[in-house]
Structures are given as structure tokens and as C-alpha cells.
Amino acid sequence: MARKRRQARVKDKWTTKKWYTLIAPEYFGMAEIGETPADDASKVINRTVEITLAELINDFSNQNPYKKLVFKVYRVAGDNAYTKFHRFELTRDYLNSLVKRRTSKIDDVVDVTTSDGYRLRVKPVAFTIKRCKSSQKRAIRAVMRETVQQFAQEENFVQFLQECVLGKIPSEIYKRAKKIYPLRRVEIRKIELLEEPKKVLEAQVQQEAEEVTA
């Protein structure tokens, strides 16, 4: 008898839940990227969803299946849960496949602020054809840092993010750093959002307030 009551409670709990459609940011086409259930819209806020770049843009060529984007819900309107960028990273399997014996892997961590005030932590990585000297590693790391900082200073958040994800910034690092030592590949292995501009956060709060009173 107790088991039946427990099963009934579980069933009742699910009947009160509603499915919300997760929407990608405008700069990624506002594509539908999944669904999430909740019995209250407020519980959907701050949930995250992970999707590969290949799934997001429907292009499974090149490295797209190995690039993961994580979005976070910041607003719910009706049946839609709107997301914003939270994190980008390469899959561990792909990174491991780039590591070869008797070669060098050169990592760096660069905190930057884009021209419109977004603070990001960017983690570039370079792989050499053969093992290089410590002085060459330092020089390549300096090129990675300078290139990432230069692009961040000159571009807004959306431009910078797209050029990291789609490969323009890694290509520029490769072009500059190969003069120091022959490289096999350069990637941006991870990007984390550290802080949004105050005006963006204020606009989000105002928008939420307007929807509540509407």
C-alpha cells in the first residue's frame, strides 16, 4: 500500500511540471537547443545547457563536433527560456588526440576585457611539430597572449567570441608563432565568462520587470 502511495506522489509531481524550450543567444541565431522541465519558471533561471557547435549550426565538418558551448538561462518568457553564453571548451578526447610524443604542448591563461566591457578568461594552446626549448615556449606563449589581448581590445564580445570559436584567432596565433618554432596546431581550448558589463545586467533586470508587470 505504501508503494502505491509513493508512486502516486511521483506521478503527481510530474503532472505539475511544464516543459520550457531553451533558446540560444541572438548571436547564435536564437536556435532551439533543448527543453527543460520545471514546476515553476523561477527554477529554470541559471540552469545550463551544453551543445556542440556542430549541433548548433548544423555543420558536422572540421572540428565542430569537438567544440562545446555551454549556455545559461537568464530569462523565462512564456514557454521559452532564453540563454546567454557561459562557457566554451574543446572536448577532452579531441585535446588528447593532439598530444604526440616528442612534441611540446604550450598552454596559457589570459584574462581579457573586450571593447564593450565583457571580462573573459581565455585559454589558448599550441602544439609543436617537435619538442622545443623552454625559451621558445616562452616566446610562443607571449605571442599567444599578445594576440588574444589585441583582438579583445579591438572587438566587442560577440565578435571576439565568434572569432575564437570559428578559428580566426587561433589561425592568427599560428601565423605569428610559427616564425619562432614550427607548429602543428593552435586552438582556443576554453573560454569562460567572468563578468558582464553593468549596463547589460541592468538591462536584463529591467526587461524582467517589464515582463512581470505586462
N, C-alpha and C. Protein backbone atom coordinates (compact mmCIF):
# COMPACT_ATOMS: atom_id res chain seq x y z
N MET A 1 0.83 -1.22 0.00
CA MET A 1 0.00 0.00 0.00
C MET A 1 0.86 1.26 0.00
N ALA A 2 1.93 1.24 0.82
CA ALA A 2 2.84 2.39 0.89
C ALA A 2 3.47 2.64 -0.47
N ARG A 3 3.81 1.56 -1.19
CA ARG A 3 4.44 1.71 -2.51
C ARG A 3 3.50 2.41 -3.47
N LYS A 4 2.23 2.08 -3.45
CA LYS A 4 1.26 2.70 -4.34
C LYS A 4 1.15 4.20 -4.07
N ARG A 5 1.15 4.57 -2.78
CA ARG A 5 1.05 6.00 -2.44
C ARG A 5 2.29 6.75 -2.94
N ARG A 6 3.48 6.10 -2.81
CA ARG A 6 4.71 6.74 -3.24
C ARG A 6 4.69 6.93 -4.75
N GLN A 7 4.23 5.92 -5.50
CA GLN A 7 4.14 6.02 -6.95
C GLN A 7 3.17 7.13 -7.35
N ALA A 8 2.08 7.27 -6.63
CA ALA A 8 1.10 8.31 -6.93
C ALA A 8 1.69 9.69 -6.73
N ARG A 9 2.51 9.84 -5.64
CA ARG A 9 3.13 11.13 -5.38
C ARG A 9 4.11 11.51 -6.49
N VAL A 10 4.89 10.52 -6.97
CA VAL A 10 5.83 10.76 -8.06
C VAL A 10 5.09 11.18 -9.31
N LYS A 11 4.00 10.50 -9.62
CA LYS A 11 3.20 10.83 -10.80
C LYS A 11 2.62 12.24 -10.70
N ASP A 12 2.10 12.59 -9.51
CA ASP A 12 1.51 13.91 -9.31
C ASP A 12 2.57 15.00 -9.47
N LYS A 13 3.78 14.72 -9.00
CA LYS A 13 4.86 15.70 -9.10
C LYS A 13 5.15 16.03 -10.56
N TRP A 14 5.17 15.03 -11.43
CA TRP A 14 5.47 15.27 -12.84
C TRP A 14 4.32 15.95 -13.57
N THR A 15 3.10 15.71 -13.14
CA THR A 15 1.97 16.35 -13.82
C THR A 15 1.95 17.86 -13.57
N THR A 16 2.62 18.32 -12.52
CA THR A 16 2.67 19.76 -12.25
C THR A 16 3.78 20.46 -13.01
N LYS A 17 4.64 19.70 -13.66
CA LYS A 17 5.78 20.30 -14.35
C LYS A 17 5.41 20.71 -15.77
N LYS A 18 6.12 21.72 -16.23
CA LYS A 18 5.91 22.25 -17.57
C LYS A 18 7.24 22.22 -18.30
N TRP A 19 7.20 22.00 -19.61
CA TRP A 19 8.43 21.97 -20.39
C TRP A 19 8.70 23.34 -21.01
N TYR A 20 9.93 23.79 -20.82
CA TYR A 20 10.36 25.08 -21.37
C TYR A 20 11.38 24.85 -22.49
N THR A 21 11.19 25.55 -23.59
CA THR A 21 12.11 25.45 -24.72
C THR A 21 13.31 26.36 -24.50
N LEU A 22 14.51 25.81 -24.60
CA LEU A 22 15.74 26.57 -24.40
C LEU A 22 16.13 27.24 -25.70
N ILE A 23 16.39 28.55 -25.64
CA ILE A 23 16.68 29.34 -26.83
C ILE A 23 18.12 29.86 -26.76
N ALA A 24 18.88 29.65 -27.84
CA ALA A 24 20.26 30.14 -27.90
C ALA A 24 20.28 31.66 -28.01
N PRO A 25 21.41 32.30 -27.67
CA PRO A 25 21.51 33.76 -27.79
C PRO A 25 21.30 34.22 -29.24
N GLU A 26 20.97 35.50 -29.39
CA GLU A 26 20.70 36.07 -30.71
C GLU A 26 21.89 35.90 -31.65
N TYR A 27 23.12 36.05 -31.12
CA TYR A 27 24.31 35.93 -31.97
C TYR A 27 24.61 34.50 -32.38
N PHE A 28 23.81 33.54 -31.90
CA PHE A 28 23.86 32.17 -32.40
C PHE A 28 22.53 31.77 -33.01
N GLY A 29 21.82 32.77 -33.54
CA GLY A 29 20.62 32.51 -34.33
C GLY A 29 19.35 32.23 -33.55
N MET A 30 19.38 32.34 -32.21
CA MET A 30 18.21 32.06 -31.38
C MET A 30 17.61 30.70 -31.70
N ALA A 31 18.48 29.73 -31.96
CA ALA A 31 18.03 28.38 -32.28
C ALA A 31 17.49 27.69 -31.03
N GLU A 32 16.56 26.76 -31.23
CA GLU A 32 16.06 25.94 -30.12
C GLU A 32 17.11 24.87 -29.81
N ILE A 33 17.59 24.85 -28.58
CA ILE A 33 18.72 23.97 -28.25
C ILE A 33 18.37 22.93 -27.19
N GLY A 34 17.10 22.74 -26.93
CA GLY A 34 16.70 21.71 -25.97
C GLY A 34 15.46 22.12 -25.20
N GLU A 35 15.09 21.28 -24.23
CA GLU A 35 13.95 21.55 -23.36
C GLU A 35 14.32 21.20 -21.93
N THR A 36 13.65 21.85 -21.00
CA THR A 36 13.89 21.55 -19.58
C THR A 36 12.57 21.62 -18.84
N PRO A 37 12.31 20.69 -17.90
CA PRO A 37 11.05 20.72 -17.16
C PRO A 37 11.18 21.46 -15.82
N ALA A 38 10.10 22.08 -15.39
CA ALA A 38 10.08 22.73 -14.08
C ALA A 38 8.63 22.99 -13.67
N ASP A 39 8.38 22.98 -12.35
CA ASP A 39 7.04 23.29 -11.88
C ASP A 39 6.87 24.78 -11.58
N ASP A 40 7.97 25.52 -11.75
CA ASP A 40 7.93 26.97 -11.56
C ASP A 40 8.99 27.60 -12.46
N ALA A 41 8.61 28.66 -13.17
CA ALA A 41 9.54 29.29 -14.12
C ALA A 41 10.81 29.79 -13.45
N SER A 42 10.71 30.21 -12.19
CA SER A 42 11.89 30.73 -11.50
C SER A 42 12.97 29.67 -11.30
N LYS A 43 12.56 28.41 -11.29
CA LYS A 43 13.53 27.32 -11.10
C LYS A 43 14.35 27.04 -12.35
N VAL A 44 13.93 27.61 -13.48
CA VAL A 44 14.67 27.41 -14.74
C VAL A 44 15.87 28.36 -14.83
N ILE A 45 15.75 29.52 -14.15
CA ILE A 45 16.82 30.52 -14.17
C ILE A 45 18.13 29.91 -13.65
N ASN A 46 19.20 30.18 -14.37
CA ASN A 46 20.57 29.72 -14.05
C ASN A 46 20.83 28.25 -14.39
N ARG A 47 19.85 27.56 -14.97
CA ARG A 47 20.14 26.23 -15.47
C ARG A 47 21.05 26.34 -16.70
N THR A 48 21.87 25.34 -16.91
CA THR A 48 22.78 25.37 -18.06
C THR A 48 22.44 24.25 -19.04
N VAL A 49 22.79 24.50 -20.29
CA VAL A 49 22.61 23.51 -21.34
C VAL A 49 23.89 23.44 -22.17
N GLU A 50 24.32 22.25 -22.50
CA GLU A 50 25.56 22.04 -23.27
C GLU A 50 25.20 21.53 -24.67
N ILE A 51 25.86 22.10 -25.67
CA ILE A 51 25.61 21.69 -27.05
C ILE A 51 26.89 21.84 -27.85
N THR A 52 27.11 20.96 -28.82
CA THR A 52 28.30 21.11 -29.66
C THR A 52 28.04 22.17 -30.72
N LEU A 53 29.12 22.75 -31.21
CA LEU A 53 28.99 23.74 -32.27
C LEU A 53 28.36 23.10 -33.51
N ALA A 54 28.69 21.85 -33.77
CA ALA A 54 28.13 21.13 -34.92
C ALA A 54 26.61 21.06 -34.84
N GLU A 55 26.08 20.74 -33.65
CA GLU A 55 24.63 20.66 -33.47
C GLU A 55 23.99 22.04 -33.56
N LEU A 56 24.68 23.04 -33.04
CA LEU A 56 24.12 24.38 -33.00
C LEU A 56 23.97 24.98 -34.40
N ILE A 57 24.99 24.79 -35.25
CA ILE A 57 24.94 25.39 -36.59
C ILE A 57 24.66 24.36 -37.68
N ASN A 58 24.39 23.11 -37.25
CA ASN A 58 24.08 22.03 -38.18
C ASN A 58 25.18 21.83 -39.23
N ASP A 59 26.42 21.81 -38.76
CA ASP A 59 27.57 21.61 -39.63
C ASP A 59 28.55 20.70 -38.90
N PHE A 60 28.66 19.45 -39.34
CA PHE A 60 29.48 18.47 -38.65
C PHE A 60 30.85 18.30 -39.28
N SER A 61 31.28 19.28 -40.05
CA SER A 61 32.59 19.21 -40.69
C SER A 61 33.67 19.76 -39.77
N ASN A 62 34.93 19.50 -40.14
CA ASN A 62 36.08 20.07 -39.44
C ASN A 62 36.05 19.72 -37.95
N GLN A 63 36.37 20.69 -37.07
CA GLN A 63 36.43 20.42 -35.63
C GLN A 63 35.11 20.73 -34.90
N ASN A 64 34.07 21.07 -35.63
CA ASN A 64 32.82 21.50 -34.99
C ASN A 64 32.26 20.51 -33.97
N PRO A 65 32.32 19.17 -34.24
CA PRO A 65 31.79 18.23 -33.23
C PRO A 65 32.59 18.21 -31.93
N TYR A 66 33.82 18.75 -31.94
CA TYR A 66 34.68 18.72 -30.75
C TYR A 66 34.62 20.02 -29.97
N LYS A 67 33.82 20.98 -30.44
CA LYS A 67 33.71 22.27 -29.77
C LYS A 67 32.38 22.32 -29.03
N LYS A 68 32.45 22.52 -27.71
CA LYS A 68 31.25 22.52 -26.88
C LYS A 68 30.96 23.93 -26.36
N LEU A 69 29.69 24.30 -26.43
CA LEU A 69 29.23 25.57 -25.89
C LEU A 69 28.27 25.30 -24.75
N VAL A 70 28.45 26.04 -23.66
CA VAL A 70 27.54 25.93 -22.52
C VAL A 70 26.83 27.27 -22.37
N PHE A 71 25.49 27.23 -22.39
CA PHE A 71 24.68 28.42 -22.22
C PHE A 71 23.94 28.35 -20.90
N LYS A 72 23.65 29.52 -20.32
CA LYS A 72 22.94 29.59 -19.04
C LYS A 72 21.65 30.39 -19.21
N VAL A 73 20.57 29.87 -18.62
CA VAL A 73 19.27 30.55 -18.70
C VAL A 73 19.30 31.80 -17.81
N TYR A 74 18.88 32.93 -18.38
CA TYR A 74 18.82 34.17 -17.61
C TYR A 74 17.41 34.78 -17.59
N ARG A 75 16.52 34.28 -18.48
CA ARG A 75 15.18 34.87 -18.56
C ARG A 75 14.20 33.85 -19.09
N VAL A 76 13.00 33.85 -18.52
CA VAL A 76 11.91 32.98 -18.99
C VAL A 76 10.74 33.85 -19.38
N ALA A 77 10.21 33.61 -20.58
CA ALA A 77 9.03 34.33 -21.05
C ALA A 77 8.10 33.32 -21.71
N GLY A 78 6.94 33.12 -21.12
CA GLY A 78 6.03 32.12 -21.66
C GLY A 78 6.63 30.73 -21.55
N ASP A 79 6.65 30.02 -22.69
CA ASP A 79 7.22 28.67 -22.71
C ASP A 79 8.70 28.67 -23.08
N ASN A 80 9.29 29.84 -23.29
CA ASN A 80 10.69 29.92 -23.73
C ASN A 80 11.62 30.34 -22.60
N ALA A 81 12.77 29.69 -22.57
CA ALA A 81 13.82 30.03 -21.60
C ALA A 81 15.02 30.53 -22.41
N TYR A 82 15.34 31.80 -22.24
CA TYR A 82 16.39 32.43 -23.04
C TYR A 82 17.74 32.30 -22.35
N THR A 83 18.76 31.98 -23.13
CA THR A 83 20.08 31.70 -22.57
C THR A 83 21.12 32.73 -23.03
N LYS A 84 22.23 32.75 -22.32
CA LYS A 84 23.38 33.56 -22.71
C LYS A 84 24.64 32.71 -22.58
N PHE A 85 25.70 33.17 -23.21
CA PHE A 85 26.96 32.43 -23.20
C PHE A 85 27.49 32.28 -21.77
N HIS A 86 27.95 31.07 -21.47
CA HIS A 86 28.54 30.78 -20.16
C HIS A 86 29.96 30.25 -20.28
N ARG A 87 30.15 29.31 -21.22
CA ARG A 87 31.48 28.70 -21.35
C ARG A 87 31.63 28.04 -22.73
N PHE A 88 32.86 28.02 -23.22
CA PHE A 88 33.22 27.28 -24.44
C PHE A 88 34.42 26.42 -24.11
N GLU A 89 34.45 25.21 -24.65
CA GLU A 89 35.62 24.36 -24.44
C GLU A 89 35.69 23.28 -25.51
N LEU A 90 36.90 22.78 -25.72
CA LEU A 90 37.11 21.64 -26.60
C LEU A 90 36.93 20.36 -25.81
N THR A 91 36.47 19.31 -26.47
CA THR A 91 36.28 18.05 -25.77
C THR A 91 37.64 17.47 -25.37
N ARG A 92 37.65 16.72 -24.28
CA ARG A 92 38.89 16.12 -23.77
C ARG A 92 39.47 15.14 -24.78
N ASP A 93 38.61 14.37 -25.44
CA ASP A 93 39.08 13.39 -26.44
C ASP A 93 39.85 14.07 -27.56
N TYR A 94 39.32 15.21 -28.01
CA TYR A 94 39.98 15.92 -29.11
C TYR A 94 41.33 16.47 -28.67
N LEU A 95 41.39 17.06 -27.48
CA LEU A 95 42.65 17.59 -26.97
C LEU A 95 43.69 16.48 -26.79
N ASN A 96 43.24 15.35 -26.27
CA ASN A 96 44.17 14.22 -26.10
C ASN A 96 44.72 13.73 -27.43
N SER A 97 43.90 13.81 -28.48
CA SER A 97 44.35 13.33 -29.79
C SER A 97 45.43 14.23 -30.38
N LEU A 98 45.54 15.46 -29.88
CA LEU A 98 46.54 16.39 -30.40
C LEU A 98 47.90 16.25 -29.72
N VAL A 99 47.92 15.56 -28.60
CA VAL A 99 49.17 15.37 -27.86
C VAL A 99 49.96 14.21 -28.47
N LYS A 100 51.18 14.49 -28.89
CA LYS A 100 52.05 13.49 -29.51
C LYS A 100 53.36 13.37 -28.74
N ARG A 101 53.97 12.21 -28.83
CA ARG A 101 55.27 12.01 -28.18
C ARG A 101 56.34 12.85 -28.87
N ARG A 102 57.30 13.28 -28.07
CA ARG A 102 58.45 14.08 -28.54
C ARG A 102 58.02 15.40 -29.18
N THR A 103 56.94 15.94 -28.70
CA THR A 103 56.50 17.28 -29.13
C THR A 103 56.22 18.10 -27.87
N SER A 104 55.95 19.38 -28.06
CA SER A 104 55.65 20.25 -26.92
C SER A 104 54.22 20.76 -27.00
N LYS A 105 53.60 20.81 -25.83
CA LYS A 105 52.27 21.42 -25.69
C LYS A 105 52.46 22.70 -24.88
N ILE A 106 51.99 23.82 -25.42
CA ILE A 106 52.22 25.12 -24.79
C ILE A 106 50.87 25.75 -24.44
N ASP A 107 50.60 25.89 -23.15
CA ASP A 107 49.33 26.44 -22.66
C ASP A 107 49.52 27.85 -22.13
N ASP A 108 48.43 28.60 -22.11
CA ASP A 108 48.44 29.89 -21.43
C ASP A 108 47.02 30.20 -20.96
N VAL A 109 46.93 31.09 -19.97
CA VAL A 109 45.64 31.57 -19.46
C VAL A 109 45.68 33.09 -19.53
N VAL A 110 44.74 33.67 -20.27
CA VAL A 110 44.75 35.12 -20.50
C VAL A 110 43.40 35.70 -20.09
N ASP A 111 43.40 36.60 -19.13
CA ASP A 111 42.18 37.33 -18.75
C ASP A 111 42.11 38.62 -19.57
N VAL A 112 41.00 38.81 -20.27
CA VAL A 112 40.87 39.97 -21.14
C VAL A 112 39.54 40.67 -20.90
N THR A 113 39.48 41.92 -21.34
CA THR A 113 38.23 42.68 -21.34
C THR A 113 37.98 43.15 -22.77
N THR A 114 36.82 42.80 -23.32
CA THR A 114 36.51 43.19 -24.69
C THR A 114 36.21 44.68 -24.75
N SER A 115 36.11 45.19 -25.97
CA SER A 115 35.91 46.64 -26.15
C SER A 115 34.59 47.13 -25.55
N ASP A 116 33.60 46.20 -25.37
CA ASP A 116 32.32 46.61 -24.78
C ASP A 116 32.19 46.16 -23.32
N GLY A 117 33.31 45.77 -22.70
CA GLY A 117 33.31 45.59 -21.26
C GLY A 117 33.08 44.20 -20.71
N TYR A 118 33.07 43.17 -21.54
CA TYR A 118 32.94 41.80 -21.03
C TYR A 118 34.31 41.28 -20.58
N ARG A 119 34.36 40.69 -19.39
CA ARG A 119 35.60 40.09 -18.89
C ARG A 119 35.56 38.59 -19.13
N LEU A 120 36.60 38.09 -19.81
CA LEU A 120 36.67 36.68 -20.19
C LEU A 120 38.00 36.09 -19.78
N ARG A 121 38.00 34.80 -19.50
CA ARG A 121 39.24 34.05 -19.29
C ARG A 121 39.43 33.13 -20.50
N VAL A 122 40.49 33.36 -21.24
CA VAL A 122 40.74 32.64 -22.49
C VAL A 122 41.97 31.74 -22.30
N LYS A 123 41.86 30.49 -22.77
CA LYS A 123 42.95 29.53 -22.59
C LYS A 123 43.39 28.98 -23.95
N PRO A 124 44.38 29.64 -24.59
CA PRO A 124 44.90 29.12 -25.85
C PRO A 124 45.90 27.99 -25.61
N VAL A 125 46.10 27.16 -26.62
CA VAL A 125 47.08 26.08 -26.53
C VAL A 125 47.70 25.87 -27.91
N ALA A 126 49.00 25.62 -27.93
CA ALA A 126 49.72 25.38 -29.18
C ALA A 126 50.45 24.04 -29.08
N PHE A 127 50.53 23.35 -30.21
CA PHE A 127 51.23 22.06 -30.29
C PHE A 127 52.32 22.17 -31.35
N THR A 128 53.55 21.84 -30.97
CA THR A 128 54.68 21.94 -31.90
C THR A 128 54.88 20.64 -32.67
N ILE A 129 55.65 20.73 -33.74
CA ILE A 129 55.96 19.53 -34.54
C ILE A 129 56.96 18.64 -33.82
N LYS A 130 57.95 19.27 -33.18
CA LYS A 130 58.92 18.54 -32.37
C LYS A 130 59.07 19.25 -31.03
N ARG A 131 59.80 18.63 -30.12
CA ARG A 131 60.00 19.25 -28.81
C ARG A 131 60.86 20.50 -28.95
N CYS A 132 60.40 21.59 -28.34
CA CYS A 132 61.15 22.85 -28.45
C CYS A 132 61.78 23.23 -27.11
N LYS A 133 62.61 24.26 -27.14
CA LYS A 133 63.31 24.71 -25.94
C LYS A 133 62.38 25.56 -25.07
N SER A 134 62.77 25.70 -23.80
CA SER A 134 61.98 26.50 -22.86
C SER A 134 61.88 27.95 -23.31
N SER A 135 62.96 28.49 -23.87
CA SER A 135 62.94 29.88 -24.35
C SER A 135 61.96 30.04 -25.51
N GLN A 136 61.85 29.02 -26.36
CA GLN A 136 60.91 29.07 -27.48
C GLN A 136 59.47 28.96 -26.97
N LYS A 137 59.27 28.15 -25.94
CA LYS A 137 57.94 28.05 -25.33
C LYS A 137 57.50 29.41 -24.78
N ARG A 138 58.42 30.08 -24.09
CA ARG A 138 58.09 31.40 -23.53
C ARG A 138 57.74 32.39 -24.62
N ALA A 139 58.49 32.35 -25.71
CA ALA A 139 58.25 33.27 -26.82
C ALA A 139 56.90 32.99 -27.49
N ILE A 140 56.57 31.73 -27.67
CA ILE A 140 55.28 31.36 -28.27
C ILE A 140 54.14 31.74 -27.34
N ARG A 141 54.33 31.52 -26.04
CA ARG A 141 53.31 31.90 -25.06
C ARG A 141 53.06 33.42 -25.09
N ALA A 142 54.12 34.17 -25.25
CA ALA A 142 54.00 35.63 -25.32
C ALA A 142 53.20 36.05 -26.55
N VAL A 143 53.43 35.36 -27.67
CA VAL A 143 52.67 35.65 -28.90
C VAL A 143 51.19 35.33 -28.70
N MET A 144 50.89 34.19 -28.07
CA MET A 144 49.50 33.83 -27.82
C MET A 144 48.82 34.90 -26.98
N ARG A 145 49.48 35.32 -25.92
CA ARG A 145 48.92 36.32 -25.01
C ARG A 145 48.69 37.65 -25.72
N GLU A 146 49.68 38.11 -26.45
CA GLU A 146 49.58 39.41 -27.14
C GLU A 146 48.47 39.39 -28.19
N THR A 147 48.36 38.27 -28.91
CA THR A 147 47.34 38.18 -29.97
C THR A 147 45.94 38.19 -29.38
N VAL A 148 45.72 37.39 -28.34
CA VAL A 148 44.40 37.34 -27.70
C VAL A 148 44.03 38.70 -27.13
N GLN A 149 44.97 39.36 -26.46
CA GLN A 149 44.70 40.68 -25.88
C GLN A 149 44.40 41.71 -26.96
N GLN A 150 45.14 41.66 -28.06
CA GLN A 150 44.92 42.62 -29.15
C GLN A 150 43.51 42.50 -29.71
N PHE A 151 43.08 41.27 -30.01
CA PHE A 151 41.74 41.06 -30.56
C PHE A 151 40.66 41.52 -29.58
N ALA A 152 40.87 41.22 -28.28
CA ALA A 152 39.88 41.60 -27.27
C ALA A 152 39.73 43.11 -27.17
N GLN A 153 40.83 43.82 -27.24
CA GLN A 153 40.81 45.28 -27.14
C GLN A 153 40.12 45.92 -28.34
N GLU A 154 40.24 45.29 -29.51
CA GLU A 154 39.73 45.88 -30.74
C GLU A 154 38.29 45.47 -31.06
N GLU A 155 37.80 44.39 -30.44
CA GLU A 155 36.50 43.84 -30.83
C GLU A 155 35.53 43.78 -29.66
N ASN A 156 34.24 43.77 -29.99
CA ASN A 156 33.24 43.59 -28.94
C ASN A 156 33.12 42.11 -28.59
N PHE A 157 32.31 41.84 -27.59
CA PHE A 157 32.19 40.48 -27.06
C PHE A 157 31.79 39.46 -28.13
N VAL A 158 30.75 39.78 -28.89
CA VAL A 158 30.24 38.83 -29.90
C VAL A 158 31.29 38.57 -30.97
N GLN A 159 31.93 39.62 -31.47
CA GLN A 159 32.97 39.45 -32.49
C GLN A 159 34.13 38.60 -31.96
N PHE A 160 34.56 38.91 -30.76
CA PHE A 160 35.69 38.19 -30.16
C PHE A 160 35.34 36.72 -29.96
N LEU A 161 34.16 36.46 -29.42
CA LEU A 161 33.74 35.08 -29.16
C LEU A 161 33.67 34.28 -30.47
N GLN A 162 33.04 34.86 -31.48
CA GLN A 162 32.90 34.15 -32.75
C GLN A 162 34.25 33.87 -33.40
N GLU A 163 35.19 34.81 -33.29
CA GLU A 163 36.49 34.60 -33.93
C GLU A 163 37.35 33.61 -33.16
N CYS A 164 37.11 33.49 -31.86
CA CYS A 164 37.77 32.41 -31.10
C CYS A 164 37.20 31.05 -31.49
N VAL A 165 35.86 30.97 -31.47
CA VAL A 165 35.18 29.69 -31.71
C VAL A 165 35.35 29.22 -33.15
N LEU A 166 35.26 30.15 -34.11
CA LEU A 166 35.31 29.76 -35.52
C LEU A 166 36.74 29.67 -36.07
N GLY A 167 37.73 30.08 -35.28
CA GLY A 167 39.10 29.78 -35.66
C GLY A 167 39.98 30.90 -36.16
N LYS A 168 39.46 32.13 -36.26
CA LYS A 168 40.29 33.21 -36.80
C LYS A 168 41.45 33.56 -35.86
N ILE A 169 41.18 33.65 -34.57
CA ILE A 169 42.22 34.00 -33.61
C ILE A 169 43.28 32.89 -33.50
N PRO A 170 42.90 31.62 -33.38
CA PRO A 170 43.93 30.56 -33.41
C PRO A 170 44.77 30.60 -34.68
N SER A 171 44.15 30.90 -35.83
CA SER A 171 44.90 30.98 -37.09
C SER A 171 45.91 32.12 -37.07
N GLU A 172 45.52 33.23 -36.46
CA GLU A 172 46.44 34.37 -36.36
C GLU A 172 47.61 34.06 -35.43
N ILE A 173 47.32 33.38 -34.33
CA ILE A 173 48.40 32.96 -33.43
C ILE A 173 49.36 32.03 -34.16
N TYR A 174 48.80 31.08 -34.90
CA TYR A 174 49.64 30.13 -35.65
C TYR A 174 50.56 30.87 -36.63
N LYS A 175 49.99 31.82 -37.35
CA LYS A 175 50.76 32.56 -38.35
C LYS A 175 51.92 33.33 -37.71
N ARG A 176 51.68 33.91 -36.55
CA ARG A 176 52.72 34.70 -35.89
C ARG A 176 53.74 33.82 -35.17
N ALA A 177 53.26 32.77 -34.50
CA ALA A 177 54.14 31.97 -33.65
C ALA A 177 54.99 30.96 -34.42
N LYS A 178 54.57 30.58 -35.63
CA LYS A 178 55.35 29.58 -36.38
C LYS A 178 56.71 30.13 -36.80
N LYS A 179 56.87 31.46 -36.75
CA LYS A 179 58.17 32.06 -37.06
C LYS A 179 59.17 31.77 -35.95
N ILE A 180 58.68 31.45 -34.76
CA ILE A 180 59.55 31.13 -33.63
C ILE A 180 59.95 29.65 -33.66
N TYR A 181 58.94 28.79 -33.92
CA TYR A 181 59.20 27.34 -33.99
C TYR A 181 58.04 26.71 -34.76
N PRO A 182 58.32 25.68 -35.59
CA PRO A 182 57.25 25.05 -36.38
C PRO A 182 56.13 24.49 -35.50
N LEU A 183 54.91 24.86 -35.82
CA LEU A 183 53.75 24.42 -35.06
C LEU A 183 52.90 23.43 -35.87
N ARG A 184 52.25 22.55 -35.14
CA ARG A 184 51.33 21.60 -35.77
C ARG A 184 49.89 22.10 -35.70
N ARG A 185 49.55 22.72 -34.56
CA ARG A 185 48.18 23.20 -34.42
C ARG A 185 48.10 24.21 -33.27
N VAL A 186 47.16 25.15 -33.41
CA VAL A 186 46.84 26.10 -32.34
C VAL A 186 45.33 26.09 -32.15
N GLU A 187 44.90 26.07 -30.90
CA GLU A 187 43.46 26.08 -30.59
C GLU A 187 43.20 27.01 -29.42
N ILE A 188 41.96 27.46 -29.31
CA ILE A 188 41.47 28.06 -28.08
C ILE A 188 40.74 26.93 -27.36
N ARG A 189 41.32 26.43 -26.28
CA ARG A 189 40.74 25.23 -25.67
C ARG A 189 39.60 25.53 -24.71
N LYS A 190 39.55 26.78 -24.19
CA LYS A 190 38.47 27.12 -23.26
C LYS A 190 38.29 28.62 -23.16
N ILE A 191 37.03 29.05 -23.02
CA ILE A 191 36.69 30.44 -22.75
C ILE A 191 35.64 30.45 -21.65
N GLU A 192 35.86 31.25 -20.62
CA GLU A 192 34.90 31.36 -19.53
C GLU A 192 34.47 32.82 -19.39
N LEU A 193 33.18 33.03 -19.18
CA LEU A 193 32.67 34.38 -18.93
C LEU A 193 32.86 34.70 -17.45
N LEU A 194 33.66 35.72 -17.16
CA LEU A 194 33.93 36.11 -15.78
C LEU A 194 32.96 37.19 -15.30
N GLU A 195 32.66 38.15 -16.18
CA GLU A 195 31.80 39.25 -15.75
C GLU A 195 31.21 39.96 -16.96
N GLU A 196 29.93 40.32 -16.84
CA GLU A 196 29.26 41.10 -17.87
C GLU A 196 29.29 42.58 -17.51
N PRO A 197 29.18 43.47 -18.49
CA PRO A 197 29.13 44.91 -18.18
C PRO A 197 27.90 45.23 -17.33
N LYS A 198 28.02 46.21 -16.48
CA LYS A 198 26.93 46.60 -15.59
C LYS A 198 25.68 46.98 -16.37
N LYS A 199 25.85 47.65 -17.51
CA LYS A 199 24.68 48.10 -18.28
C LYS A 199 23.90 46.92 -18.85
N VAL A 200 24.59 45.82 -19.17
CA VAL A 200 23.91 44.63 -19.68
C VAL A 200 23.08 43.99 -18.58
N LEU A 201 23.65 43.87 -17.39
CA LEU A 201 22.92 43.30 -16.25
C LEU A 201 21.71 44.15 -15.89
N GLU A 202 21.87 45.47 -15.93
CA GLU A 202 20.75 46.37 -15.62
C GLU A 202 19.64 46.24 -16.65
N ALA A 203 20.00 46.07 -17.92
CA ALA A 203 19.00 45.92 -18.98
C ALA A 203 18.21 44.63 -18.80
N GLN A 204 18.90 43.56 -18.36
CA GLN A 204 18.22 42.29 -18.14
C GLN A 204 17.22 42.39 -17.00
N VAL A 205 17.60 43.08 -15.92
CA VAL A 205 16.71 43.26 -14.78
C VAL A 205 15.49 44.08 -15.19
N GLN A 206 15.70 45.13 -15.97
CA GLN A 206 14.59 45.98 -16.42
C GLN A 206 13.63 45.20 -17.31
N GLN A 207 14.19 44.37 -18.20
CA GLN A 207 13.36 43.57 -19.11
C GLN A 207 12.50 42.59 -18.32
N GLU A 208 13.09 41.95 -17.32
CA GLU A 208 12.34 41.01 -16.47
C GLU A 208 11.21 41.72 -15.73
N ALA A 209 11.49 42.93 -15.24
CA ALA A 209 10.48 43.70 -14.51
C ALA A 209 9.32 44.08 -15.42
N GLU A 210 9.62 44.45 -16.66
CA GLU A 210 8.58 44.84 -17.62
C GLU A 210 7.69 43.64 -17.97
N GLU A 211 8.28 42.45 -18.06
CA GLU A 211 7.50 41.25 -18.39
C GLU A 211 6.58 40.85 -17.24
N VAL A 212 7.05 41.08 -16.01
CA VAL A 212 6.22 40.74 -14.84
C VAL A 212 4.99 41.65 -14.77
N THR A 213 5.18 42.94 -15.09
CA THR A 213 4.07 43.90 -14.99
C THR A 213 3.17 43.90 -16.21
N ALA A 214 3.66 43.28 -17.32
CA ALA A 214 2.87 43.28 -18.55
C ALA A 214 1.59 42.47 -18.42
